[in-house]
Amino acid sequence: MSADTTSLPVFDLEVDASGLKCPLPILRAKKALAQLQSGQTLKVITTDTNAVRDFQAFCRQTGNALVAQVAQADATVHFLTRR
């Protein structure tokens, strides 16, 4: 994971799930992805340490693409593209 913010993916919608524990960040992401068209990208901000693994598993199970996961200070930013 990189903290280089110059090469972050462009996103269409952002969800701030900071302070929420599993499964709430995933549920918020799932709801937000439903609003997007195929190929659009969602940015999700999480502070739950398990979120990295959770989002990897979520994308494997749903077929959505996990474009990037970027560690920033006390949060992780996830970029998912809707299938």
N, C-alpha and C. Protein backbone atom coordinates (compact mmCIF):
# COMPACT_ATOMS: atom_id res chain seq x y z
N MET A 1 0.85 -1.19 0.00
CA MET A 1 0.00 0.00 0.00
C MET A 1 0.88 1.24 0.00
N SER A 2 0.46 2.22 -0.72
CA SER A 2 1.24 3.43 -0.86
C SER A 2 0.49 4.63 -0.31
N ALA A 3 1.22 5.58 0.22
CA ALA A 3 0.61 6.81 0.71
C ALA A 3 0.73 7.92 -0.33
N ASP A 4 1.16 7.57 -1.53
CA ASP A 4 1.31 8.52 -2.62
C ASP A 4 -0.07 8.90 -3.15
N THR A 5 -0.50 10.13 -2.87
CA THR A 5 -1.85 10.55 -3.24
C THR A 5 -1.91 11.11 -4.67
N THR A 6 -0.78 11.21 -5.36
CA THR A 6 -0.80 11.78 -6.70
C THR A 6 -1.36 10.82 -7.74
N SER A 7 -1.33 9.52 -7.46
CA SER A 7 -1.78 8.55 -8.46
C SER A 7 -3.05 7.81 -8.03
N LEU A 8 -3.86 8.44 -7.17
CA LEU A 8 -5.10 7.80 -6.74
C LEU A 8 -6.10 7.75 -7.89
N PRO A 9 -6.90 6.68 -7.93
CA PRO A 9 -7.90 6.57 -9.00
C PRO A 9 -8.94 7.68 -8.92
N VAL A 10 -9.49 8.03 -10.08
CA VAL A 10 -10.61 8.97 -10.14
C VAL A 10 -11.85 8.21 -9.68
N PHE A 11 -12.70 8.86 -8.88
CA PHE A 11 -13.88 8.16 -8.36
C PHE A 11 -15.14 8.96 -8.65
N ASP A 12 -16.27 8.26 -8.68
CA ASP A 12 -17.57 8.87 -8.99
C ASP A 12 -18.40 9.14 -7.75
N LEU A 13 -18.15 8.40 -6.67
CA LEU A 13 -18.92 8.52 -5.44
C LEU A 13 -18.03 8.19 -4.27
N GLU A 14 -18.22 8.88 -3.13
CA GLU A 14 -17.40 8.65 -1.95
C GLU A 14 -18.28 8.29 -0.76
N VAL A 15 -17.83 7.31 0.01
CA VAL A 15 -18.50 6.92 1.24
C VAL A 15 -17.49 7.03 2.37
N ASP A 16 -17.82 7.79 3.41
CA ASP A 16 -16.95 7.89 4.57
C ASP A 16 -17.49 6.95 5.65
N ALA A 17 -16.83 5.81 5.82
CA ALA A 17 -17.24 4.82 6.82
C ALA A 17 -16.29 4.85 8.02
N SER A 18 -15.65 5.99 8.24
CA SER A 18 -14.73 6.14 9.37
C SER A 18 -15.48 5.90 10.69
N GLY A 19 -14.85 5.16 11.58
CA GLY A 19 -15.44 4.91 12.89
C GLY A 19 -16.42 3.75 12.91
N LEU A 20 -16.74 3.20 11.76
CA LEU A 20 -17.68 2.08 11.70
C LEU A 20 -16.93 0.76 11.69
N LYS A 21 -17.48 -0.22 12.39
CA LYS A 21 -16.89 -1.56 12.44
C LYS A 21 -17.65 -2.49 11.50
N CYS A 22 -16.97 -3.56 11.09
CA CYS A 22 -17.55 -4.58 10.23
C CYS A 22 -18.88 -5.07 10.85
N PRO A 23 -19.91 -5.22 10.07
CA PRO A 23 -19.95 -5.21 8.61
C PRO A 23 -20.43 -3.89 8.02
N LEU A 24 -20.55 -2.83 8.82
CA LEU A 24 -21.14 -1.58 8.33
C LEU A 24 -20.40 -0.95 7.15
N PRO A 25 -19.06 -0.90 7.11
CA PRO A 25 -18.42 -0.32 5.92
C PRO A 25 -18.77 -1.08 4.63
N ILE A 26 -18.84 -2.40 4.71
CA ILE A 26 -19.20 -3.20 3.54
C ILE A 26 -20.64 -2.92 3.13
N LEU A 27 -21.53 -2.85 4.10
CA LEU A 27 -22.94 -2.59 3.80
C LEU A 27 -23.13 -1.22 3.16
N ARG A 28 -22.41 -0.22 3.66
CA ARG A 28 -22.48 1.13 3.07
C ARG A 28 -21.94 1.11 1.65
N ALA A 29 -20.85 0.37 1.44
CA ALA A 29 -20.26 0.27 0.10
C ALA A 29 -21.22 -0.42 -0.86
N LYS A 30 -21.85 -1.49 -0.39
CA LYS A 30 -22.79 -2.24 -1.23
C LYS A 30 -23.95 -1.35 -1.67
N LYS A 31 -24.46 -0.55 -0.74
CA LYS A 31 -25.57 0.36 -1.05
C LYS A 31 -25.12 1.43 -2.05
N ALA A 32 -23.92 1.96 -1.87
CA ALA A 32 -23.40 2.99 -2.76
C ALA A 32 -23.12 2.42 -4.16
N LEU A 33 -22.58 1.20 -4.22
CA LEU A 33 -22.30 0.59 -5.52
C LEU A 33 -23.59 0.41 -6.33
N ALA A 34 -24.69 0.17 -5.64
CA ALA A 34 -25.98 -0.01 -6.32
C ALA A 34 -26.43 1.26 -7.03
N GLN A 35 -25.91 2.41 -6.60
CA GLN A 35 -26.26 3.70 -7.21
C GLN A 35 -25.40 3.99 -8.45
N LEU A 36 -24.31 3.25 -8.61
CA LEU A 36 -23.38 3.52 -9.70
C LEU A 36 -23.70 2.67 -10.93
N GLN A 37 -23.24 3.16 -12.07
CA GLN A 37 -23.34 2.42 -13.32
C GLN A 37 -22.12 1.49 -13.41
N SER A 38 -22.23 0.47 -14.23
CA SER A 38 -21.11 -0.43 -14.46
C SER A 38 -19.89 0.36 -14.93
N GLY A 39 -18.74 0.09 -14.32
CA GLY A 39 -17.51 0.78 -14.70
C GLY A 39 -17.20 2.01 -13.88
N GLN A 40 -18.17 2.49 -13.10
CA GLN A 40 -17.91 3.65 -12.25
C GLN A 40 -17.19 3.20 -10.98
N THR A 41 -16.49 4.15 -10.34
CA THR A 41 -15.65 3.83 -9.20
C THR A 41 -16.15 4.48 -7.92
N LEU A 42 -16.09 3.69 -6.85
CA LEU A 42 -16.49 4.12 -5.51
C LEU A 42 -15.26 4.24 -4.63
N LYS A 43 -15.19 5.32 -3.87
CA LYS A 43 -14.12 5.52 -2.89
C LYS A 43 -14.73 5.32 -1.51
N VAL A 44 -14.12 4.45 -0.70
CA VAL A 44 -14.62 4.20 0.66
C VAL A 44 -13.48 4.45 1.65
N ILE A 45 -13.75 5.28 2.66
CA ILE A 45 -12.77 5.58 3.70
C ILE A 45 -13.15 4.78 4.94
N THR A 46 -12.20 4.00 5.47
CA THR A 46 -12.47 3.19 6.65
C THR A 46 -11.37 3.37 7.69
N THR A 47 -11.73 3.10 8.96
CA THR A 47 -10.74 3.10 10.04
C THR A 47 -10.66 1.73 10.71
N ASP A 48 -11.56 0.83 10.38
CA ASP A 48 -11.56 -0.53 10.92
C ASP A 48 -10.36 -1.28 10.36
N THR A 49 -9.52 -1.83 11.23
CA THR A 49 -8.31 -2.51 10.77
C THR A 49 -8.63 -3.77 9.95
N ASN A 50 -9.80 -4.34 10.12
CA ASN A 50 -10.18 -5.53 9.36
C ASN A 50 -10.73 -5.19 7.98
N ALA A 51 -10.93 -3.93 7.70
CA ALA A 51 -11.58 -3.52 6.45
C ALA A 51 -10.76 -3.91 5.22
N VAL A 52 -9.44 -3.93 5.32
CA VAL A 52 -8.60 -4.29 4.17
C VAL A 52 -8.97 -5.70 3.70
N ARG A 53 -8.96 -6.64 4.62
CA ARG A 53 -9.33 -8.03 4.28
C ARG A 53 -10.80 -8.12 3.88
N ASP A 54 -11.66 -7.40 4.59
CA ASP A 54 -13.09 -7.44 4.29
C ASP A 54 -13.40 -7.00 2.87
N PHE A 55 -12.77 -5.91 2.43
CA PHE A 55 -13.04 -5.40 1.08
C PHE A 55 -12.44 -6.32 0.01
N GLN A 56 -11.31 -6.95 0.32
CA GLN A 56 -10.73 -7.91 -0.63
C GLN A 56 -11.70 -9.09 -0.82
N ALA A 57 -12.24 -9.60 0.27
CA ALA A 57 -13.18 -10.72 0.20
C ALA A 57 -14.48 -10.30 -0.47
N PHE A 58 -14.97 -9.10 -0.14
CA PHE A 58 -16.21 -8.59 -0.74
C PHE A 58 -16.09 -8.52 -2.26
N CYS A 59 -14.98 -8.01 -2.75
CA CYS A 59 -14.79 -7.87 -4.20
C CYS A 59 -14.66 -9.24 -4.87
N ARG A 60 -13.96 -10.17 -4.22
CA ARG A 60 -13.86 -11.53 -4.77
C ARG A 60 -15.25 -12.16 -4.89
N GLN A 61 -16.09 -11.96 -3.88
CA GLN A 61 -17.41 -12.59 -3.85
C GLN A 61 -18.41 -11.93 -4.79
N THR A 62 -18.28 -10.63 -5.01
CA THR A 62 -19.28 -9.90 -5.80
C THR A 62 -18.86 -9.67 -7.24
N GLY A 63 -17.58 -9.81 -7.54
CA GLY A 63 -17.12 -9.57 -8.90
C GLY A 63 -16.79 -8.12 -9.19
N ASN A 64 -16.96 -7.24 -8.20
CA ASN A 64 -16.54 -5.85 -8.37
C ASN A 64 -15.01 -5.80 -8.28
N ALA A 65 -14.41 -4.87 -8.98
CA ALA A 65 -12.94 -4.78 -9.01
C ALA A 65 -12.43 -3.92 -7.87
N LEU A 66 -11.46 -4.44 -7.14
CA LEU A 66 -10.78 -3.65 -6.11
C LEU A 66 -9.57 -3.01 -6.79
N VAL A 67 -9.71 -1.73 -7.10
CA VAL A 67 -8.69 -1.01 -7.88
C VAL A 67 -7.47 -0.69 -7.03
N ALA A 68 -7.70 -0.23 -5.78
CA ALA A 68 -6.59 0.15 -4.91
C ALA A 68 -7.05 0.19 -3.46
N GLN A 69 -6.08 -0.03 -2.57
CA GLN A 69 -6.29 0.17 -1.14
C GLN A 69 -5.08 0.97 -0.66
N VAL A 70 -5.33 2.15 -0.13
CA VAL A 70 -4.25 3.07 0.22
C VAL A 70 -4.32 3.40 1.71
N ALA A 71 -3.23 3.11 2.42
CA ALA A 71 -3.15 3.43 3.85
C ALA A 71 -2.83 4.91 4.00
N GLN A 72 -3.61 5.58 4.85
CA GLN A 72 -3.38 7.01 5.12
C GLN A 72 -3.54 7.24 6.61
N ALA A 73 -2.49 7.67 7.29
CA ALA A 73 -2.52 7.96 8.73
C ALA A 73 -3.27 6.86 9.48
N ASP A 74 -4.46 7.14 9.97
CA ASP A 74 -5.22 6.15 10.75
C ASP A 74 -6.41 5.59 9.96
N ALA A 75 -6.36 5.72 8.65
CA ALA A 75 -7.47 5.24 7.82
C ALA A 75 -6.92 4.49 6.60
N THR A 76 -7.82 3.76 5.96
CA THR A 76 -7.50 3.13 4.68
C THR A 76 -8.55 3.57 3.69
N VAL A 77 -8.11 3.90 2.47
CA VAL A 77 -9.03 4.31 1.42
C VAL A 77 -9.08 3.18 0.39
N HIS A 78 -10.29 2.74 0.08
CA HIS A 78 -10.51 1.63 -0.85
C HIS A 78 -11.18 2.20 -2.10
N PHE A 79 -10.75 1.73 -3.26
CA PHE A 79 -11.36 2.14 -4.54
C PHE A 79 -11.90 0.88 -5.21
N LEU A 80 -13.22 0.86 -5.43
CA LEU A 80 -13.88 -0.28 -6.03
C LEU A 80 -14.58 0.17 -7.31
N THR A 81 -14.47 -0.62 -8.36
CA THR A 81 -15.17 -0.34 -9.60
C THR A 81 -16.30 -1.34 -9.76
N ARG A 82 -17.49 -0.80 -10.01
CA ARG A 82 -18.65 -1.67 -10.15
C ARG A 82 -18.55 -2.53 -11.40
N ARG A 83 -18.90 -3.79 -11.25
CA ARG A 83 -18.84 -4.70 -12.40
C ARG A 83 -19.96 -4.41 -13.37
